[in-house]
Amino acid sequence: MRRFQTTRLQSQWGDVVDRFDCWAQNPWRRLSLLVIALFSGFLLGSATTSVAGVLSQMDPVAALIVVLGSELTMRRIRKRKSQWMLLEHLLNLSRIGFLYGLFLEAFKLI
C-alpha cells in the first residue's frame, strides 16, 4: 500500500491541538476558556428548548434525545483516555452548561 507524503497542512493541523493546549497553560487563560465553554453550553441549552417550543415539538422528548446524545458522547470520550486534555474539559463544561440550561428552562415551565 502506498503511503502519500504528509503535507505541510496535515502536519500543522495535527499540531493545532498541542499548540492550543500549550497556549492555555496559563491558569487565567485556562479558567477563562472553561468559563466561556460553560456559558456557551448554557446559551445553547436555553436556545435548544426555545427552538423546540417554537416549532411546537414535544419539549420533554427533544430534551431527552439531546441529553442522551450528550451523555453517550461523554462516555465515549471517557473510555478513550485516562488523562484529559483541554478539549475534553471544554466539552465537559459545555455539556454541564447545556444541561443546566435545559433544567433551568424546565423549571420555568413549572
N, C-alpha and C. Protein backbone atom coordinates (compact mmCIF):
# COMPACT_ATOMS: atom_id res chain seq x y z
N MET A 1 0.84 -1.18 0.00
CA MET A 1 0.00 0.00 0.00
C MET A 1 0.89 1.24 0.00
N ARG A 2 0.59 2.16 -0.90
CA ARG A 2 1.38 3.38 -0.98
C ARG A 2 0.94 4.38 0.07
N ARG A 3 1.90 4.95 0.70
CA ARG A 3 1.60 6.00 1.68
C ARG A 3 2.04 7.32 1.08
N PHE A 4 1.11 8.25 1.05
CA PHE A 4 1.41 9.54 0.46
C PHE A 4 2.23 10.39 1.43
N GLN A 5 2.91 11.33 0.87
CA GLN A 5 3.73 12.24 1.66
C GLN A 5 2.83 13.16 2.47
N THR A 6 3.19 13.39 3.72
CA THR A 6 2.39 14.30 4.54
C THR A 6 2.68 15.73 4.10
N THR A 7 1.63 16.48 3.95
CA THR A 7 1.78 17.87 3.51
C THR A 7 1.99 18.78 4.70
N ARG A 8 2.32 19.99 4.40
CA ARG A 8 2.54 20.98 5.47
C ARG A 8 1.23 21.25 6.22
N LEU A 9 0.11 21.27 5.50
CA LEU A 9 -1.19 21.49 6.13
C LEU A 9 -1.52 20.36 7.10
N GLN A 10 -1.25 19.13 6.71
CA GLN A 10 -1.53 18.00 7.61
C GLN A 10 -0.67 18.06 8.86
N SER A 11 0.58 18.39 8.70
CA SER A 11 1.46 18.43 9.88
C SER A 11 1.10 19.59 10.79
N GLN A 12 0.72 20.73 10.23
CA GLN A 12 0.35 21.86 11.08
C GLN A 12 -1.01 21.64 11.73
N TRP A 13 -1.94 21.02 11.02
CA TRP A 13 -3.25 20.77 11.60
C TRP A 13 -3.17 19.78 12.76
N GLY A 14 -2.25 18.84 12.68
CA GLY A 14 -2.07 17.90 13.77
C GLY A 14 -1.48 18.55 15.01
N ASP A 15 -0.74 19.64 14.82
CA ASP A 15 -0.13 20.33 15.96
C ASP A 15 -1.01 21.41 16.56
N VAL A 16 -2.16 21.69 15.98
CA VAL A 16 -3.01 22.77 16.47
C VAL A 16 -3.48 22.50 17.89
N VAL A 17 -3.90 21.28 18.16
CA VAL A 17 -4.40 20.95 19.49
C VAL A 17 -3.29 21.07 20.53
N ASP A 18 -2.10 20.61 20.18
CA ASP A 18 -0.99 20.71 21.12
C ASP A 18 -0.60 22.17 21.37
N ARG A 19 -0.60 22.98 20.31
CA ARG A 19 -0.29 24.40 20.49
C ARG A 19 -1.35 25.10 21.32
N PHE A 20 -2.61 24.74 21.09
CA PHE A 20 -3.70 25.34 21.86
C PHE A 20 -3.59 24.95 23.33
N ASP A 21 -3.24 23.71 23.60
CA ASP A 21 -3.06 23.25 24.97
C ASP A 21 -1.87 23.94 25.63
N CYS A 22 -0.82 24.16 24.87
CA CYS A 22 0.35 24.87 25.40
C CYS A 22 0.01 26.33 25.67
N TRP A 23 -0.78 26.95 24.80
CA TRP A 23 -1.19 28.34 24.99
C TRP A 23 -2.04 28.48 26.25
N ALA A 24 -2.83 27.47 26.55
CA ALA A 24 -3.74 27.53 27.68
C ALA A 24 -3.11 27.04 28.98
N GLN A 25 -1.80 26.91 29.03
CA GLN A 25 -1.14 26.50 30.27
C GLN A 25 -1.25 27.58 31.35
N ASN A 26 -1.39 28.83 30.92
CA ASN A 26 -1.59 29.91 31.87
C ASN A 26 -2.92 29.68 32.59
N PRO A 27 -2.94 29.68 33.93
CA PRO A 27 -4.18 29.36 34.65
C PRO A 27 -5.34 30.30 34.35
N TRP A 28 -5.06 31.58 34.13
CA TRP A 28 -6.14 32.51 33.85
C TRP A 28 -6.73 32.29 32.47
N ARG A 29 -5.89 31.97 31.51
CA ARG A 29 -6.41 31.66 30.18
C ARG A 29 -7.25 30.40 30.21
N ARG A 30 -6.76 29.41 30.92
CA ARG A 30 -7.48 28.14 31.02
C ARG A 30 -8.83 28.34 31.70
N LEU A 31 -8.83 29.09 32.78
CA LEU A 31 -10.07 29.35 33.51
C LEU A 31 -11.05 30.14 32.65
N SER A 32 -10.55 31.14 31.93
CA SER A 32 -11.45 31.93 31.10
C SER A 32 -12.04 31.08 29.97
N LEU A 33 -11.23 30.19 29.39
CA LEU A 33 -11.76 29.30 28.35
C LEU A 33 -12.82 28.36 28.91
N LEU A 34 -12.59 27.85 30.11
CA LEU A 34 -13.56 26.94 30.70
C LEU A 34 -14.86 27.66 31.05
N VAL A 35 -14.77 28.89 31.53
CA VAL A 35 -15.98 29.66 31.84
C VAL A 35 -16.75 30.00 30.57
N ILE A 36 -16.01 30.35 29.51
CA ILE A 36 -16.66 30.63 28.22
C ILE A 36 -17.37 29.38 27.71
N ALA A 37 -16.76 28.22 27.87
CA ALA A 37 -17.40 26.97 27.43
C ALA A 37 -18.65 26.69 28.25
N LEU A 38 -18.60 26.96 29.56
CA LEU A 38 -19.77 26.75 30.41
C LEU A 38 -20.92 27.65 29.99
N PHE A 39 -20.64 28.94 29.78
CA PHE A 39 -21.69 29.87 29.39
C PHE A 39 -22.20 29.61 27.97
N SER A 40 -21.32 29.17 27.09
CA SER A 40 -21.77 28.83 25.74
C SER A 40 -22.70 27.63 25.76
N GLY A 41 -22.38 26.65 26.58
CA GLY A 41 -23.27 25.50 26.73
C GLY A 41 -24.61 25.89 27.30
N PHE A 42 -24.60 26.81 28.27
CA PHE A 42 -25.85 27.29 28.84
C PHE A 42 -26.69 28.00 27.79
N LEU A 43 -26.05 28.82 26.97
CA LEU A 43 -26.76 29.52 25.90
C LEU A 43 -27.36 28.54 24.91
N LEU A 44 -26.60 27.52 24.54
CA LEU A 44 -27.12 26.51 23.61
C LEU A 44 -28.28 25.72 24.22
N GLY A 45 -28.19 25.44 25.52
CA GLY A 45 -29.27 24.70 26.18
C GLY A 45 -30.57 25.48 26.22
N SER A 46 -30.48 26.76 26.56
CA SER A 46 -31.70 27.56 26.59
C SER A 46 -32.23 27.82 25.18
N ALA A 47 -31.34 27.95 24.20
CA ALA A 47 -31.79 28.16 22.82
C ALA A 47 -32.43 26.91 22.25
N THR A 48 -31.93 25.74 22.62
CA THR A 48 -32.49 24.49 22.11
C THR A 48 -33.93 24.31 22.57
N THR A 49 -34.20 24.60 23.83
CA THR A 49 -35.57 24.45 24.32
C THR A 49 -36.48 25.51 23.71
N SER A 50 -35.95 26.70 23.47
CA SER A 50 -36.77 27.73 22.84
C SER A 50 -37.13 27.35 21.41
N VAL A 51 -36.17 26.81 20.68
CA VAL A 51 -36.44 26.40 19.30
C VAL A 51 -37.43 25.24 19.26
N ALA A 52 -37.27 24.29 20.19
CA ALA A 52 -38.21 23.16 20.23
C ALA A 52 -39.61 23.64 20.59
N GLY A 53 -39.72 24.65 21.44
CA GLY A 53 -41.02 25.19 21.79
C GLY A 53 -41.66 25.95 20.65
N VAL A 54 -40.88 26.69 19.90
CA VAL A 54 -41.40 27.46 18.78
C VAL A 54 -41.87 26.53 17.66
N LEU A 55 -41.16 25.44 17.46
CA LEU A 55 -41.54 24.50 16.41
C LEU A 55 -42.69 23.60 16.84
N SER A 56 -43.21 23.81 18.02
CA SER A 56 -44.34 23.04 18.57
C SER A 56 -44.04 21.55 18.66
N GLN A 57 -42.81 21.26 18.97
CA GLN A 57 -42.45 19.87 19.19
C GLN A 57 -42.57 19.58 20.68
N MET A 58 -42.52 18.31 21.00
CA MET A 58 -42.63 17.93 22.40
C MET A 58 -41.30 18.23 23.09
N ASP A 59 -41.33 19.16 24.02
CA ASP A 59 -40.11 19.57 24.70
C ASP A 59 -39.44 18.44 25.48
N PRO A 60 -40.19 17.63 26.25
CA PRO A 60 -39.51 16.57 27.00
C PRO A 60 -38.81 15.54 26.12
N VAL A 61 -39.43 15.21 25.00
CA VAL A 61 -38.82 14.22 24.11
C VAL A 61 -37.56 14.80 23.47
N ALA A 62 -37.62 16.05 23.04
CA ALA A 62 -36.45 16.69 22.44
C ALA A 62 -35.32 16.81 23.47
N ALA A 63 -35.66 17.17 24.70
CA ALA A 63 -34.65 17.28 25.75
C ALA A 63 -34.04 15.91 26.06
N LEU A 64 -34.87 14.87 26.08
CA LEU A 64 -34.37 13.53 26.35
C LEU A 64 -33.39 13.08 25.27
N ILE A 65 -33.71 13.34 24.03
CA ILE A 65 -32.83 12.95 22.93
C ILE A 65 -31.50 13.69 23.03
N VAL A 66 -31.56 14.97 23.33
CA VAL A 66 -30.33 15.78 23.42
C VAL A 66 -29.48 15.35 24.61
N VAL A 67 -30.10 15.09 25.74
CA VAL A 67 -29.36 14.67 26.94
C VAL A 67 -28.73 13.30 26.70
N LEU A 68 -29.46 12.38 26.11
CA LEU A 68 -28.88 11.07 25.82
C LEU A 68 -27.70 11.17 24.86
N GLY A 69 -27.83 12.03 23.86
CA GLY A 69 -26.72 12.22 22.92
C GLY A 69 -25.48 12.78 23.60
N SER A 70 -25.67 13.76 24.48
CA SER A 70 -24.50 14.34 25.16
C SER A 70 -23.88 13.36 26.14
N GLU A 71 -24.69 12.59 26.83
CA GLU A 71 -24.15 11.61 27.77
C GLU A 71 -23.40 10.48 27.06
N LEU A 72 -23.93 10.03 25.94
CA LEU A 72 -23.24 8.98 25.18
C LEU A 72 -21.92 9.48 24.61
N THR A 73 -21.90 10.74 24.20
CA THR A 73 -20.65 11.32 23.71
C THR A 73 -19.60 11.38 24.82
N MET A 74 -20.00 11.78 26.01
CA MET A 74 -19.04 11.87 27.11
C MET A 74 -18.56 10.49 27.55
N ARG A 75 -19.42 9.50 27.50
CA ARG A 75 -18.98 8.15 27.87
C ARG A 75 -17.96 7.62 26.88
N ARG A 76 -18.15 7.95 25.61
CA ARG A 76 -17.18 7.53 24.60
C ARG A 76 -15.82 8.19 24.82
N ILE A 77 -15.84 9.45 25.18
CA ILE A 77 -14.58 10.16 25.41
C ILE A 77 -13.89 9.65 26.66
N ARG A 78 -14.65 9.37 27.70
CA ARG A 78 -14.05 8.90 28.96
C ARG A 78 -13.40 7.53 28.80
N LYS A 79 -13.95 6.67 27.96
CA LYS A 79 -13.36 5.34 27.76
C LYS A 79 -12.10 5.40 26.92
N ARG A 80 -11.95 6.45 26.15
CA ARG A 80 -10.84 6.53 25.22
C ARG A 80 -9.51 6.81 25.92
N LYS A 81 -9.48 7.71 26.89
CA LYS A 81 -8.23 8.09 27.54
C LYS A 81 -8.42 8.15 29.04
N SER A 82 -7.29 8.03 29.73
CA SER A 82 -7.35 8.19 31.18
C SER A 82 -7.02 9.62 31.57
N GLN A 83 -6.16 10.30 30.80
CA GLN A 83 -5.80 11.67 31.11
C GLN A 83 -6.53 12.61 30.15
N TRP A 84 -7.21 13.60 30.73
CA TRP A 84 -8.00 14.52 29.92
C TRP A 84 -7.15 15.68 29.45
N MET A 85 -7.39 16.10 28.22
CA MET A 85 -6.74 17.29 27.69
C MET A 85 -7.72 18.46 27.82
N LEU A 86 -7.27 19.59 27.37
CA LEU A 86 -8.08 20.81 27.48
C LEU A 86 -9.38 20.68 26.69
N LEU A 87 -9.34 20.08 25.51
CA LEU A 87 -10.56 19.97 24.71
C LEU A 87 -11.62 19.11 25.38
N GLU A 88 -11.19 18.07 26.07
CA GLU A 88 -12.16 17.25 26.80
C GLU A 88 -12.78 18.03 27.96
N HIS A 89 -11.97 18.85 28.63
CA HIS A 89 -12.51 19.69 29.71
C HIS A 89 -13.50 20.72 29.16
N LEU A 90 -13.16 21.30 28.01
CA LEU A 90 -14.07 22.27 27.41
C LEU A 90 -15.38 21.61 27.00
N LEU A 91 -15.29 20.42 26.42
CA LEU A 91 -16.50 19.71 26.03
C LEU A 91 -17.34 19.32 27.24
N ASN A 92 -16.69 18.89 28.31
CA ASN A 92 -17.41 18.51 29.51
C ASN A 92 -18.11 19.71 30.14
N LEU A 93 -17.43 20.85 30.23
CA LEU A 93 -18.07 22.03 30.83
C LEU A 93 -19.16 22.59 29.94
N SER A 94 -19.02 22.50 28.62
CA SER A 94 -20.11 22.94 27.76
C SER A 94 -21.31 22.02 27.90
N ARG A 95 -21.06 20.73 28.13
CA ARG A 95 -22.17 19.79 28.38
C ARG A 95 -22.87 20.12 29.69
N ILE A 96 -22.10 20.44 30.72
CA ILE A 96 -22.70 20.79 32.00
C ILE A 96 -23.54 22.06 31.87
N GLY A 97 -23.01 23.06 31.16
CA GLY A 97 -23.78 24.28 30.94
C GLY A 97 -25.02 24.02 30.12
N PHE A 98 -24.92 23.14 29.14
CA PHE A 98 -26.07 22.78 28.31
C PHE A 98 -27.17 22.13 29.15
N LEU A 99 -26.78 21.19 29.99
CA LEU A 99 -27.77 20.52 30.84
C LEU A 99 -28.36 21.49 31.86
N TYR A 100 -27.54 22.40 32.37
CA TYR A 100 -28.06 23.40 33.31
C TYR A 100 -29.08 24.30 32.61
N GLY A 101 -28.81 24.68 31.35
CA GLY A 101 -29.77 25.47 30.59
C GLY A 101 -31.07 24.72 30.37
N LEU A 102 -30.98 23.42 30.10
CA LEU A 102 -32.19 22.62 29.92
C LEU A 102 -33.00 22.55 31.21
N PHE A 103 -32.31 22.31 32.33
CA PHE A 103 -33.02 22.22 33.61
C PHE A 103 -33.64 23.55 34.00
N LEU A 104 -32.95 24.63 33.74
CA LEU A 104 -33.49 25.94 34.09
C LEU A 104 -34.74 26.25 33.27
N GLU A 105 -34.72 25.91 32.00
CA GLU A 105 -35.90 26.10 31.16
C GLU A 105 -37.04 25.18 31.60
N ALA A 106 -36.72 24.00 32.07
CA ALA A 106 -37.77 23.09 32.55
C ALA A 106 -38.42 23.64 33.81
N PHE A 107 -37.62 24.26 34.68
CA PHE A 107 -38.20 24.82 35.90
C PHE A 107 -39.00 26.09 35.61
N LYS A 108 -38.71 26.76 34.51
CA LYS A 108 -39.52 27.92 34.13
C LYS A 108 -40.91 27.50 33.72
N LEU A 109 -41.06 26.28 33.21
CA LEU A 109 -42.36 25.81 32.76
C LEU A 109 -43.26 25.36 33.91
N ILE A 110 -42.66 25.09 35.06
CA ILE A 110 -43.47 24.59 36.18
C ILE A 110 -44.26 25.68 36.82
